Every structure is written in C-alpha cells, then in structure tokens.
Amino acid sequence: MGSGSSSNNTLVVPQANQALEQLKYEIAQELGIQIPQDGYYGNYATRDTGAIGGHITRRLVEIAEQSIAGQFGGQSR
C-alpha cells in the first residue's frame, strides 16, 4: 500500500453516507456496542468492529435482494 491516508472509497451516491452512518449506529445498538463519539476505534476489539461491519453487509444484501425480488415480481427463473 502507498503512503499517506488518502482514501479511494468514494460513494457513488454521496447521500448514502448519512444512511450508512445511521445503519452503523442502529446495528451497534442492536449488538450492544457503544460507538465512540470521537470516531476513534483504537480501543475497540476487532471482533466488535468486525461484527458491526458484517451485520451492515448482511443488512445491505437483504435490502438488495428485496429490491431485486420486487423488480422481478418475486418470480424465480
């Protein structure tokens, strides 16, 4: 990896950032994990932050599956 802290993670839909942040807080609350107010996760176990990310991914996949099923009328091929 290169030096510096430049991020290549640009959102296709910038408004999605707020929705993802809200989802992160909701999932953390469901898991009983307190999100740090200052945004520093250095004192958190990898297991906790990974659990939040994993649940976010599962939730996004569920949303996408529901959206696709709705577009095709729920019919399977």
Protein backbone atom coordinates (compact mmCIF):
# COMPACT_ATOMS: atom_id res chain seq x y z
CA MET A 1 0.00 0.00 0.00
CA GLY A 2 1.06 3.54 -0.62
CA SER A 3 1.95 6.11 1.96
CA GLY A 4 -0.50 8.74 3.14
CA SER A 5 -4.06 8.44 4.30
CA SER A 6 -5.82 9.12 1.02
CA SER A 7 -8.97 7.05 0.62
CA ASN A 8 -10.22 5.63 -2.65
CA ASN A 9 -13.59 4.79 -1.13
CA THR A 10 -15.78 7.34 -2.87
CA LEU A 11 -19.51 6.84 -2.70
CA VAL A 12 -21.41 6.67 -5.95
CA VAL A 13 -24.35 8.30 -4.19
CA PRO A 14 -22.95 10.84 -1.68
CA GLN A 15 -26.27 10.99 0.18
CA ALA A 16 -25.78 7.31 1.07
CA ASN A 17 -23.14 8.27 3.64
CA GLN A 18 -25.75 9.51 6.12
CA ALA A 19 -27.85 6.36 5.65
CA LEU A 20 -24.80 4.14 6.20
CA GLU A 21 -23.86 6.05 9.35
CA GLN A 22 -27.40 5.64 10.68
CA LEU A 23 -27.32 1.93 9.86
CA LYS A 24 -23.99 1.60 11.68
CA TYR A 25 -25.42 3.16 14.84
CA GLU A 26 -28.58 1.03 14.68
CA ILE A 27 -26.63 -2.20 14.31
CA ALA A 28 -24.14 -1.25 17.03
CA GLN A 29 -27.05 -0.58 19.36
CA GLU A 30 -28.63 -3.95 18.49
CA LEU A 31 -25.30 -5.63 19.28
CA GLY A 32 -24.82 -3.65 22.50
CA ILE A 33 -21.68 -1.92 21.22
CA GLN A 34 -21.19 1.77 22.05
CA ILE A 35 -19.92 3.80 19.07
CA PRO A 36 -17.18 6.26 20.15
CA GLN A 37 -18.26 9.90 19.85
CA ASP A 38 -14.83 10.98 18.66
CA GLY A 39 -14.74 8.35 15.90
CA TYR A 40 -11.60 6.66 17.29
CA TYR A 41 -11.97 2.88 17.29
CA GLY A 42 -8.44 2.09 18.54
CA ASN A 43 -9.73 0.98 21.94
CA TYR A 44 -12.28 -1.44 20.45
CA ALA A 45 -11.76 -5.12 19.82
CA THR A 46 -11.52 -6.14 16.18
CA ARG A 47 -14.29 -8.62 16.90
CA ASP A 48 -16.68 -5.79 17.80
CA THR A 49 -15.92 -3.56 14.83
CA GLY A 50 -15.94 -6.59 12.52
CA ALA A 51 -19.33 -7.64 13.87
CA ILE A 52 -20.75 -4.22 13.06
CA GLY A 53 -19.32 -4.34 9.52
CA GLY A 54 -20.55 -7.89 8.98
CA HIS A 55 -24.07 -7.05 10.09
CA ILE A 56 -24.09 -3.95 7.88
CA THR A 57 -23.11 -6.12 4.90
CA ARG A 58 -25.82 -8.68 5.68
CA ARG A 59 -28.43 -5.96 6.00
CA LEU A 60 -27.39 -4.33 2.71
CA VAL A 61 -27.54 -7.70 0.93
CA GLU A 62 -31.04 -8.30 2.33
CA ILE A 63 -32.15 -4.86 1.11
CA ALA A 64 -30.70 -5.53 -2.34
CA GLU A 65 -32.34 -8.96 -2.53
CA GLN A 66 -35.71 -7.48 -1.60
CA SER A 67 -35.27 -4.75 -4.18
CA ILE A 68 -34.38 -7.23 -6.92
CA ALA A 69 -37.25 -9.52 -5.96
CA GLY A 70 -39.62 -6.54 -6.15
CA GLN A 71 -38.35 -5.56 -9.60
CA PHE A 72 -38.97 -9.02 -10.98
CA GLY A 73 -42.25 -9.57 -9.19
CA GLY A 74 -40.74 -12.13 -6.85
CA GLN A 75 -40.66 -14.74 -9.62
CA SER A 76 -37.75 -17.14 -9.80
CA ARG A 77 -36.25 -18.25 -13.09
